N, C-alpha and C. Protein backbone atom coordinates (compact mmCIF):
# COMPACT_ATOMS: atom_id res chain seq x y z
N MET A 1 60.82 47.61 17.56
CA MET A 1 60.61 48.65 18.55
C MET A 1 60.38 48.00 19.91
N ASN A 2 60.90 48.64 20.93
CA ASN A 2 60.79 48.12 22.28
C ASN A 2 59.88 49.05 23.08
N LYS A 3 58.89 48.49 23.77
CA LYS A 3 57.95 49.30 24.55
C LYS A 3 58.58 49.86 25.81
N ASP A 4 59.65 49.25 26.30
CA ASP A 4 60.36 49.74 27.49
C ASP A 4 61.05 51.05 27.12
N ILE A 5 60.62 52.15 27.73
CA ILE A 5 61.12 53.48 27.38
C ILE A 5 62.63 53.58 27.49
N SER A 6 63.23 52.84 28.43
CA SER A 6 64.69 52.90 28.58
C SER A 6 65.40 52.17 27.44
N GLN A 7 64.67 51.35 26.70
CA GLN A 7 65.24 50.62 25.57
C GLN A 7 64.68 51.12 24.24
N ASN A 8 64.13 52.33 24.23
CA ASN A 8 63.48 52.86 23.04
C ASN A 8 64.51 53.55 22.15
N PRO A 9 64.80 53.02 20.96
CA PRO A 9 65.82 53.63 20.11
C PRO A 9 65.46 55.04 19.66
N SER A 10 64.18 55.31 19.47
CA SER A 10 63.78 56.66 19.06
C SER A 10 64.11 57.68 20.13
N LEU A 11 63.85 57.34 21.38
CA LEU A 11 64.16 58.24 22.49
C LEU A 11 65.67 58.41 22.63
N THR A 12 66.42 57.32 22.52
CA THR A 12 67.88 57.39 22.62
C THR A 12 68.45 58.31 21.54
N LEU A 13 67.99 58.15 20.30
CA LEU A 13 68.48 58.99 19.20
C LEU A 13 68.03 60.44 19.38
N SER A 14 66.85 60.64 19.93
CA SER A 14 66.37 62.00 20.18
C SER A 14 67.23 62.71 21.22
N ILE A 15 67.53 62.02 22.30
CA ILE A 15 68.40 62.61 23.33
C ILE A 15 69.74 62.98 22.72
N GLN A 16 70.27 62.09 21.89
CA GLN A 16 71.53 62.38 21.20
C GLN A 16 71.39 63.63 20.34
N ASP A 17 70.31 63.75 19.57
CA ASP A 17 70.10 64.92 18.73
C ASP A 17 70.08 66.20 19.56
N VAL A 18 69.31 66.18 20.64
CA VAL A 18 69.17 67.38 21.47
C VAL A 18 70.51 67.77 22.09
N VAL A 19 71.27 66.79 22.57
CA VAL A 19 72.60 67.09 23.12
C VAL A 19 73.51 67.65 22.03
N MET A 20 73.52 67.01 20.87
CA MET A 20 74.37 67.50 19.77
C MET A 20 74.01 68.94 19.40
N ASN A 21 72.71 69.22 19.30
CA ASN A 21 72.24 70.53 18.86
C ASN A 21 72.36 71.59 19.95
N ASN A 22 71.91 71.28 21.15
CA ASN A 22 71.77 72.30 22.18
C ASN A 22 72.92 72.36 23.17
N VAL A 23 73.72 71.32 23.28
CA VAL A 23 74.87 71.33 24.17
C VAL A 23 76.16 71.48 23.37
N CYS A 24 76.32 70.63 22.37
CA CYS A 24 77.55 70.65 21.55
C CYS A 24 77.49 71.70 20.44
N GLU A 25 76.32 72.29 20.22
CA GLU A 25 76.10 73.32 19.20
C GLU A 25 76.44 72.85 17.79
N ILE A 26 76.16 71.60 17.51
CA ILE A 26 76.30 71.05 16.17
C ILE A 26 74.98 71.31 15.45
N GLU A 27 75.05 71.97 14.31
CA GLU A 27 73.84 72.43 13.63
C GLU A 27 73.46 71.60 12.41
N SER A 28 74.18 70.53 12.15
CA SER A 28 73.96 69.79 10.91
C SER A 28 73.92 68.29 11.17
N THR A 29 72.88 67.64 10.64
CA THR A 29 72.77 66.19 10.68
C THR A 29 73.07 65.64 9.30
N LEU A 30 73.94 64.67 9.25
CA LEU A 30 74.36 64.05 8.00
C LEU A 30 73.92 62.59 8.01
N VAL A 31 73.12 62.19 7.02
CA VAL A 31 72.62 60.82 6.92
C VAL A 31 73.23 60.19 5.67
N ILE A 32 74.05 59.15 5.87
CA ILE A 32 74.71 58.47 4.76
C ILE A 32 74.20 57.04 4.70
N ASN A 33 73.67 56.66 3.55
CA ASN A 33 73.05 55.35 3.37
C ASN A 33 73.97 54.42 2.59
N TYR A 34 73.98 53.16 3.01
CA TYR A 34 74.77 52.14 2.32
C TYR A 34 73.88 50.97 1.89
N ASP A 35 72.88 51.29 1.12
CA ASP A 35 72.06 50.30 0.43
C ASP A 35 71.44 51.06 -0.73
N TRP A 36 71.65 50.55 -1.94
CA TRP A 36 71.17 51.26 -3.13
C TRP A 36 69.69 51.57 -3.03
N LYS A 37 68.91 50.64 -2.45
CA LYS A 37 67.47 50.85 -2.34
C LYS A 37 67.13 51.98 -1.36
N LEU A 38 68.06 52.34 -0.50
CA LEU A 38 67.86 53.44 0.45
C LEU A 38 68.59 54.72 0.01
N ARG A 39 69.01 54.78 -1.23
CA ARG A 39 69.87 55.88 -1.68
C ARG A 39 69.26 57.26 -1.47
N ASN A 40 67.93 57.35 -1.45
CA ASN A 40 67.28 58.65 -1.23
C ASN A 40 66.67 58.77 0.16
N PHE A 41 66.99 57.87 1.06
CA PHE A 41 66.41 57.90 2.40
C PHE A 41 66.72 59.21 3.12
N TYR A 42 67.89 59.76 2.90
CA TYR A 42 68.24 61.01 3.57
C TYR A 42 67.26 62.13 3.20
N GLN A 43 66.67 62.08 2.00
CA GLN A 43 65.70 63.10 1.61
C GLN A 43 64.41 62.96 2.42
N TYR A 44 64.03 61.74 2.71
CA TYR A 44 62.88 61.51 3.58
C TYR A 44 63.18 62.07 4.98
N VAL A 45 64.36 61.76 5.50
CA VAL A 45 64.75 62.26 6.82
C VAL A 45 64.78 63.79 6.81
N GLN A 46 65.32 64.36 5.76
CA GLN A 46 65.39 65.81 5.62
C GLN A 46 63.99 66.44 5.72
N GLN A 47 63.05 65.87 4.98
CA GLN A 47 61.69 66.41 4.99
C GLN A 47 61.03 66.26 6.36
N VAL A 48 61.12 65.07 6.93
CA VAL A 48 60.48 64.81 8.23
C VAL A 48 61.07 65.71 9.31
N GLU A 49 62.38 65.79 9.37
CA GLU A 49 63.01 66.55 10.45
C GLU A 49 62.89 68.06 10.25
N MET A 50 63.21 68.54 9.07
CA MET A 50 63.26 69.99 8.90
C MET A 50 61.87 70.61 8.85
N GLU A 51 60.91 69.93 8.25
CA GLU A 51 59.55 70.48 8.22
C GLU A 51 58.92 70.42 9.61
N SER A 52 59.25 69.39 10.38
CA SER A 52 58.63 69.22 11.70
C SER A 52 59.31 70.03 12.79
N THR A 53 60.62 70.23 12.70
CA THR A 53 61.34 70.89 13.81
C THR A 53 61.93 72.25 13.44
N GLY A 54 61.66 72.72 12.25
CA GLY A 54 62.13 74.05 11.87
C GLY A 54 61.20 75.11 12.42
N LYS A 55 61.26 75.34 13.70
CA LYS A 55 60.34 76.25 14.39
C LYS A 55 61.12 77.23 15.26
N SER A 56 60.56 78.44 15.41
CA SER A 56 61.21 79.45 16.25
C SER A 56 60.33 79.89 17.41
N VAL A 57 59.14 79.26 17.54
CA VAL A 57 58.27 79.56 18.68
C VAL A 57 57.83 78.25 19.32
N ASP A 58 57.53 78.31 20.62
CA ASP A 58 57.08 77.11 21.31
C ASP A 58 55.59 76.87 21.04
N GLN A 59 55.02 75.89 21.71
CA GLN A 59 53.63 75.52 21.45
C GLN A 59 52.64 76.59 21.91
N ASN A 60 53.11 77.54 22.72
CA ASN A 60 52.25 78.64 23.17
C ASN A 60 52.49 79.92 22.39
N GLY A 61 53.31 79.84 21.34
CA GLY A 61 53.58 81.02 20.52
C GLY A 61 54.68 81.92 21.05
N LYS A 62 55.39 81.47 22.08
CA LYS A 62 56.47 82.26 22.65
C LYS A 62 57.76 82.01 21.86
N GLU A 63 58.47 83.11 21.54
CA GLU A 63 59.71 82.99 20.78
C GLU A 63 60.75 82.21 21.58
N LEU A 64 61.42 81.29 20.91
CA LEU A 64 62.41 80.43 21.57
C LEU A 64 63.75 81.13 21.70
N ASP A 65 64.47 80.83 22.77
CA ASP A 65 65.82 81.38 22.95
C ASP A 65 66.87 80.27 22.86
N TYR A 66 66.52 79.20 22.16
CA TYR A 66 67.44 78.08 21.94
C TYR A 66 67.18 77.52 20.54
N GLN A 67 68.14 76.75 20.07
CA GLN A 67 68.04 76.17 18.73
C GLN A 67 67.09 74.98 18.72
N THR A 68 66.38 74.83 17.62
CA THR A 68 65.55 73.63 17.43
C THR A 68 66.20 72.80 16.32
N GLY A 69 65.45 72.38 15.34
CA GLY A 69 65.92 71.44 14.33
C GLY A 69 67.22 71.80 13.64
N MET A 70 67.94 70.76 13.24
CA MET A 70 69.21 70.92 12.53
C MET A 70 69.00 70.88 11.02
N ILE A 71 69.98 71.36 10.29
CA ILE A 71 69.99 71.21 8.84
C ILE A 71 70.33 69.75 8.55
N VAL A 72 69.53 69.11 7.72
CA VAL A 72 69.71 67.69 7.41
C VAL A 72 70.10 67.55 5.94
N TRP A 73 71.14 66.78 5.71
CA TRP A 73 71.59 66.50 4.35
C TRP A 73 72.22 65.12 4.33
N GLY A 74 72.66 64.67 3.19
CA GLY A 74 73.27 63.35 3.14
C GLY A 74 73.40 62.83 1.73
N GLY A 75 73.46 61.51 1.63
CA GLY A 75 73.60 60.90 0.32
C GLY A 75 73.84 59.41 0.42
N PHE A 76 73.96 58.82 -0.74
CA PHE A 76 74.30 57.40 -0.87
C PHE A 76 75.81 57.30 -0.74
N GLY A 77 76.27 56.55 0.26
CA GLY A 77 77.69 56.50 0.61
C GLY A 77 78.67 56.40 -0.54
N PRO A 78 78.57 55.37 -1.39
CA PRO A 78 79.55 55.25 -2.47
C PRO A 78 79.58 56.44 -3.42
N ARG A 79 78.45 57.09 -3.62
CA ARG A 79 78.41 58.27 -4.49
C ARG A 79 78.89 59.53 -3.78
N SER A 80 78.85 59.53 -2.47
CA SER A 80 79.19 60.72 -1.70
C SER A 80 80.67 60.85 -1.40
N GLN A 81 81.42 59.79 -1.62
CA GLN A 81 82.83 59.78 -1.25
C GLN A 81 83.62 60.93 -1.86
N HIS A 82 83.30 61.29 -3.09
CA HIS A 82 84.08 62.34 -3.75
C HIS A 82 83.38 63.69 -3.74
N SER A 83 82.25 63.78 -3.07
CA SER A 83 81.59 65.08 -2.99
C SER A 83 81.78 65.74 -1.63
N PHE A 84 81.51 65.02 -0.53
CA PHE A 84 81.64 65.69 0.76
C PHE A 84 82.39 64.90 1.82
N PHE A 85 82.86 63.70 1.53
CA PHE A 85 83.56 62.93 2.55
C PHE A 85 84.86 63.59 3.02
N GLN A 86 85.55 64.27 2.14
CA GLN A 86 86.77 64.96 2.55
C GLN A 86 86.46 65.95 3.67
N GLN A 87 85.36 66.68 3.52
CA GLN A 87 84.95 67.63 4.56
C GLN A 87 84.68 66.90 5.87
N VAL A 88 84.03 65.75 5.80
CA VAL A 88 83.71 64.98 7.00
C VAL A 88 84.99 64.45 7.65
N TYR A 89 85.91 63.95 6.84
CA TYR A 89 87.14 63.35 7.37
C TYR A 89 88.11 64.37 7.97
N GLN A 90 88.35 65.45 7.26
CA GLN A 90 89.40 66.35 7.71
C GLN A 90 88.97 67.80 7.88
N GLY A 91 87.70 68.09 7.66
CA GLY A 91 87.22 69.46 7.80
C GLY A 91 87.14 69.88 9.26
N THR A 92 86.85 71.14 9.46
CA THR A 92 86.80 71.70 10.82
C THR A 92 85.42 71.62 11.45
N LYS A 93 84.41 71.24 10.69
CA LYS A 93 83.05 71.14 11.22
C LYS A 93 82.80 69.76 11.82
N ASN A 94 81.91 69.72 12.80
CA ASN A 94 81.44 68.46 13.35
C ASN A 94 79.99 68.26 12.93
N TYR A 95 79.58 67.02 12.83
CA TYR A 95 78.24 66.68 12.36
C TYR A 95 77.59 65.67 13.28
N ASN A 96 76.29 65.71 13.31
CA ASN A 96 75.49 64.66 13.92
C ASN A 96 75.33 63.62 12.81
N LEU A 97 76.22 62.65 12.77
CA LEU A 97 76.39 61.76 11.62
C LEU A 97 75.73 60.41 11.86
N TYR A 98 74.89 60.02 10.90
CA TYR A 98 74.23 58.71 10.92
C TYR A 98 74.65 57.91 9.70
N PHE A 99 75.05 56.67 9.92
CA PHE A 99 75.23 55.70 8.84
C PHE A 99 74.04 54.75 8.89
N VAL A 100 73.41 54.51 7.76
CA VAL A 100 72.33 53.52 7.66
C VAL A 100 72.80 52.47 6.66
N ALA A 101 72.95 51.23 7.12
CA ALA A 101 73.50 50.18 6.27
C ALA A 101 72.66 48.91 6.37
N THR A 102 72.70 48.14 5.30
CA THR A 102 72.00 46.86 5.23
C THR A 102 73.02 45.76 5.00
N LYS A 103 73.05 44.80 5.91
CA LYS A 103 74.04 43.71 5.81
C LYS A 103 73.87 42.87 4.57
N SER A 104 72.66 42.75 4.06
CA SER A 104 72.42 41.89 2.90
C SER A 104 72.96 42.49 1.59
N ASP A 105 73.22 43.78 1.57
CA ASP A 105 73.81 44.43 0.39
C ASP A 105 75.33 44.42 0.60
N GLN A 106 75.95 43.28 0.31
CA GLN A 106 77.34 43.00 0.70
C GLN A 106 78.35 44.04 0.23
N LEU A 107 78.33 44.41 -1.04
CA LEU A 107 79.32 45.36 -1.54
C LEU A 107 79.21 46.69 -0.81
N ASN A 108 78.01 47.22 -0.71
CA ASN A 108 77.83 48.50 -0.03
C ASN A 108 78.08 48.37 1.47
N TYR A 109 77.74 47.23 2.05
CA TYR A 109 78.00 47.02 3.47
C TYR A 109 79.50 47.03 3.75
N LYS A 110 80.29 46.41 2.88
CA LYS A 110 81.75 46.43 3.04
C LYS A 110 82.29 47.85 2.93
N GLN A 111 81.72 48.63 2.02
CA GLN A 111 82.14 50.03 1.90
C GLN A 111 81.79 50.80 3.18
N PHE A 112 80.61 50.54 3.72
CA PHE A 112 80.22 51.16 4.99
C PHE A 112 81.22 50.79 6.09
N LEU A 113 81.59 49.51 6.18
CA LEU A 113 82.54 49.08 7.21
C LEU A 113 83.88 49.81 7.06
N GLY A 114 84.35 49.95 5.83
CA GLY A 114 85.61 50.65 5.60
C GLY A 114 85.53 52.12 5.98
N GLN A 115 84.45 52.78 5.59
CA GLN A 115 84.30 54.20 5.91
C GLN A 115 84.13 54.42 7.41
N SER A 116 83.30 53.59 8.04
CA SER A 116 83.07 53.77 9.47
C SER A 116 84.33 53.47 10.28
N LYS A 117 85.10 52.49 9.84
CA LYS A 117 86.37 52.18 10.51
C LYS A 117 87.32 53.38 10.40
N SER A 118 87.35 54.00 9.24
CA SER A 118 88.22 55.17 9.05
C SER A 118 87.83 56.30 9.98
N LEU A 119 86.53 56.53 10.13
CA LEU A 119 86.08 57.61 11.01
C LEU A 119 86.25 57.26 12.48
N LYS A 120 86.03 56.01 12.82
CA LYS A 120 86.12 55.59 14.22
C LYS A 120 87.55 55.65 14.75
N TYR A 121 88.49 55.17 13.94
CA TYR A 121 89.87 55.05 14.41
C TYR A 121 90.82 56.09 13.86
N GLY A 122 90.44 56.79 12.80
CA GLY A 122 91.37 57.73 12.19
C GLY A 122 92.55 56.97 11.63
N ASN A 123 93.68 57.63 11.56
CA ASN A 123 94.89 56.94 11.11
C ASN A 123 96.08 57.39 11.94
N ASP A 124 97.23 56.92 11.58
CA ASP A 124 98.46 57.15 12.33
C ASP A 124 98.75 58.65 12.46
N GLN A 125 98.76 59.14 13.69
CA GLN A 125 99.00 60.56 13.93
C GLN A 125 100.44 60.98 13.62
N GLU A 126 101.29 60.01 13.33
CA GLU A 126 102.66 60.36 12.97
C GLU A 126 102.80 60.64 11.48
N LEU A 127 101.72 60.47 10.74
CA LEU A 127 101.75 60.79 9.32
C LEU A 127 101.89 62.30 9.12
N ASP A 128 102.30 62.68 7.95
CA ASP A 128 102.31 64.09 7.56
C ASP A 128 100.92 64.67 7.89
N ILE A 129 100.88 65.87 8.43
CA ILE A 129 99.62 66.47 8.88
C ILE A 129 98.58 66.51 7.77
N ASN A 130 98.99 66.63 6.52
CA ASN A 130 98.05 66.67 5.40
C ASN A 130 97.33 65.34 5.20
N LYS A 131 97.89 64.26 5.70
CA LYS A 131 97.31 62.93 5.49
C LYS A 131 96.56 62.40 6.71
N ARG A 132 96.57 63.14 7.80
CA ARG A 132 95.91 62.67 9.02
C ARG A 132 94.40 62.75 8.92
N VAL A 133 93.75 61.74 9.45
CA VAL A 133 92.30 61.72 9.56
C VAL A 133 91.96 61.58 11.04
N SER A 134 91.21 62.54 11.56
CA SER A 134 90.84 62.50 12.97
C SER A 134 89.68 61.55 13.20
N LYS A 135 89.59 61.09 14.42
CA LYS A 135 88.47 60.24 14.82
C LYS A 135 87.21 61.10 14.87
N ARG A 136 86.10 60.54 14.44
CA ARG A 136 84.81 61.25 14.45
C ARG A 136 83.75 60.35 15.08
N ASN A 137 82.83 60.98 15.79
CA ASN A 137 81.70 60.24 16.36
C ASN A 137 80.62 60.06 15.30
N PHE A 138 79.93 58.96 15.36
CA PHE A 138 78.81 58.71 14.45
C PHE A 138 77.90 57.67 15.07
N THR A 139 76.71 57.57 14.52
CA THR A 139 75.72 56.58 14.94
C THR A 139 75.47 55.64 13.77
N THR A 140 75.43 54.36 14.06
CA THR A 140 75.18 53.35 13.03
C THR A 140 73.81 52.72 13.23
N ILE A 141 73.06 52.65 12.15
CA ILE A 141 71.79 51.92 12.14
C ILE A 141 71.94 50.83 11.10
N GLU A 142 71.99 49.59 11.56
CA GLU A 142 72.20 48.45 10.66
C GLU A 142 70.94 47.59 10.60
N LEU A 143 70.58 47.24 9.38
CA LEU A 143 69.47 46.31 9.14
C LEU A 143 70.05 45.02 8.60
N ASN A 144 69.50 43.89 8.99
CA ASN A 144 69.96 42.62 8.41
C ASN A 144 69.62 42.57 6.93
N SER A 145 68.41 42.99 6.60
CA SER A 145 68.00 43.06 5.19
C SER A 145 66.93 44.14 5.08
N LEU A 146 66.71 44.61 3.87
CA LEU A 146 65.69 45.62 3.65
C LEU A 146 64.43 44.94 3.14
N THR A 147 63.41 44.98 3.97
CA THR A 147 62.10 44.41 3.62
C THR A 147 61.06 45.50 3.89
N PRO A 148 59.84 45.33 3.43
CA PRO A 148 58.81 46.31 3.78
C PRO A 148 58.69 46.51 5.30
N GLU A 149 58.85 45.42 6.05
CA GLU A 149 58.75 45.51 7.51
C GLU A 149 59.91 46.31 8.10
N THR A 150 61.14 46.02 7.68
CA THR A 150 62.29 46.75 8.26
C THR A 150 62.31 48.20 7.80
N LEU A 151 61.86 48.46 6.57
CA LEU A 151 61.77 49.85 6.12
C LEU A 151 60.74 50.60 6.95
N GLY A 152 59.60 49.97 7.21
CA GLY A 152 58.58 50.58 8.05
C GLY A 152 59.08 50.85 9.46
N GLU A 153 59.84 49.91 10.01
CA GLU A 153 60.41 50.10 11.35
C GLU A 153 61.41 51.25 11.36
N LEU A 154 62.24 51.33 10.32
CA LEU A 154 63.21 52.42 10.22
C LEU A 154 62.51 53.77 10.14
N MET A 155 61.49 53.86 9.30
CA MET A 155 60.74 55.11 9.16
C MET A 155 60.01 55.47 10.45
N ALA A 156 59.39 54.49 11.10
CA ALA A 156 58.69 54.75 12.35
C ALA A 156 59.65 55.19 13.44
N MET A 157 60.82 54.55 13.50
CA MET A 157 61.82 54.95 14.48
C MET A 157 62.20 56.41 14.28
N TRP A 158 62.44 56.79 13.03
CA TRP A 158 62.85 58.17 12.75
C TRP A 158 61.73 59.16 13.06
N GLU A 159 60.51 58.83 12.68
CA GLU A 159 59.39 59.72 12.95
C GLU A 159 59.17 59.88 14.45
N ASN A 160 59.30 58.79 15.20
CA ASN A 160 59.17 58.88 16.66
C ASN A 160 60.29 59.70 17.27
N LYS A 161 61.50 59.59 16.71
CA LYS A 161 62.62 60.41 17.17
C LYS A 161 62.28 61.89 17.01
N VAL A 162 61.70 62.24 15.89
CA VAL A 162 61.33 63.63 15.62
C VAL A 162 60.26 64.10 16.60
N ILE A 163 59.31 63.23 16.93
CA ILE A 163 58.28 63.58 17.92
C ILE A 163 58.93 63.84 19.28
N PHE A 164 59.83 62.95 19.69
CA PHE A 164 60.55 63.18 20.96
C PHE A 164 61.33 64.49 20.91
N ASN A 165 62.00 64.77 19.80
CA ASN A 165 62.73 66.04 19.68
C ASN A 165 61.78 67.21 19.93
N SER A 166 60.60 67.15 19.32
CA SER A 166 59.65 68.25 19.48
C SER A 166 59.17 68.38 20.92
N PHE A 167 59.05 67.27 21.65
CA PHE A 167 58.70 67.34 23.06
C PHE A 167 59.80 68.07 23.84
N PHE A 168 61.05 67.69 23.59
CA PHE A 168 62.17 68.33 24.29
C PHE A 168 62.23 69.83 23.99
N TRP A 169 61.97 70.21 22.75
CA TRP A 169 62.07 71.61 22.34
C TRP A 169 60.76 72.38 22.55
N ASP A 170 59.70 71.69 23.00
CA ASP A 170 58.39 72.29 23.23
C ASP A 170 57.84 72.98 21.98
N ILE A 171 57.93 72.28 20.85
CA ILE A 171 57.41 72.82 19.59
C ILE A 171 56.36 71.87 19.03
N ASN A 172 55.53 72.40 18.14
CA ASN A 172 54.51 71.59 17.48
C ASN A 172 55.06 71.07 16.15
N PRO A 173 55.31 69.76 16.04
CA PRO A 173 55.88 69.24 14.80
C PRO A 173 54.85 69.09 13.68
N PHE A 174 53.59 69.34 13.98
CA PHE A 174 52.53 69.07 13.01
C PHE A 174 52.03 70.30 12.26
N ASP A 175 52.58 71.47 12.54
CA ASP A 175 52.20 72.63 11.73
C ASP A 175 53.41 73.09 10.93
N GLN A 176 53.14 73.66 9.80
CA GLN A 176 54.19 74.17 8.93
C GLN A 176 53.74 75.52 8.37
N TRP A 177 53.68 76.52 9.24
CA TRP A 177 53.14 77.82 8.82
C TRP A 177 54.02 78.50 7.78
N GLY A 178 55.31 78.28 7.84
CA GLY A 178 56.19 78.86 6.82
C GLY A 178 55.90 78.28 5.46
N VAL A 179 55.71 76.97 5.38
CA VAL A 179 55.38 76.31 4.12
C VAL A 179 54.02 76.81 3.62
N GLU A 180 53.05 76.93 4.52
CA GLU A 180 51.72 77.40 4.14
C GLU A 180 51.77 78.82 3.59
N LEU A 181 52.57 79.68 4.19
CA LEU A 181 52.71 81.05 3.69
C LEU A 181 53.25 81.05 2.27
N GLY A 182 54.26 80.22 2.02
CA GLY A 182 54.81 80.12 0.67
C GLY A 182 53.77 79.68 -0.34
N LYS A 183 52.94 78.71 0.04
CA LYS A 183 51.87 78.24 -0.86
C LYS A 183 50.85 79.34 -1.13
N THR A 184 50.47 80.05 -0.07
CA THR A 184 49.49 81.13 -0.21
C THR A 184 50.02 82.22 -1.14
N ASN A 185 51.27 82.62 -0.94
CA ASN A 185 51.84 83.67 -1.78
C ASN A 185 52.03 83.20 -3.22
N THR A 186 52.37 81.94 -3.42
CA THR A 186 52.48 81.40 -4.78
C THR A 186 51.13 81.42 -5.46
N LYS A 187 50.09 81.00 -4.75
CA LYS A 187 48.73 81.01 -5.32
C LYS A 187 48.33 82.43 -5.69
N SER A 188 48.65 83.38 -4.83
CA SER A 188 48.35 84.78 -5.09
C SER A 188 49.04 85.26 -6.37
N GLU A 189 50.29 84.87 -6.55
CA GLU A 189 51.03 85.25 -7.76
C GLU A 189 50.43 84.59 -9.00
N LEU A 190 50.02 83.33 -8.88
CA LEU A 190 49.43 82.62 -10.01
C LEU A 190 48.07 83.20 -10.40
N ASP A 191 47.36 83.75 -9.42
CA ASP A 191 46.03 84.31 -9.68
C ASP A 191 46.08 85.69 -10.35
N LYS A 192 47.25 86.28 -10.45
CA LYS A 192 47.37 87.62 -11.05
C LYS A 192 47.21 87.56 -12.55
């Protein structure tokens, strides 16, 4: 992490999120991991982002007239190729797409390089239209290796990004009144 705000990756990623969501009107963040040990990382991101930024009122209780948090989903890259990659490659939707890869996991890292190259450059536009792959924007987060320290840095970067997002959207990321209501109603049903 860099203390210089202009070199802060969390702030940079947050600005990207806000532009994607509020300017480009992209409503979905896709997190694809290329390290077996990070195979469920997207679920952590999903919980942190959606629970913290799924709000419809500002910090003063005023109803918002703009979008806040995006729908977050994802998967382990090699397992996701046959479930949703076709949609990403040739579908009509755009995504706020993140690749998270570890260089020390060579096989998965090579798969990441192949997939990211395909999205970055597409293929020959003279091919039959059914075989064309358009260029897509994405963000890459690469780790040299996965250690407790680098995992902590990755998690802290993401959590700080979410805090910055909440500042931009003027929402409180630390309350979850919708979740609390669900718990209260479940308890009420169990007490019957």
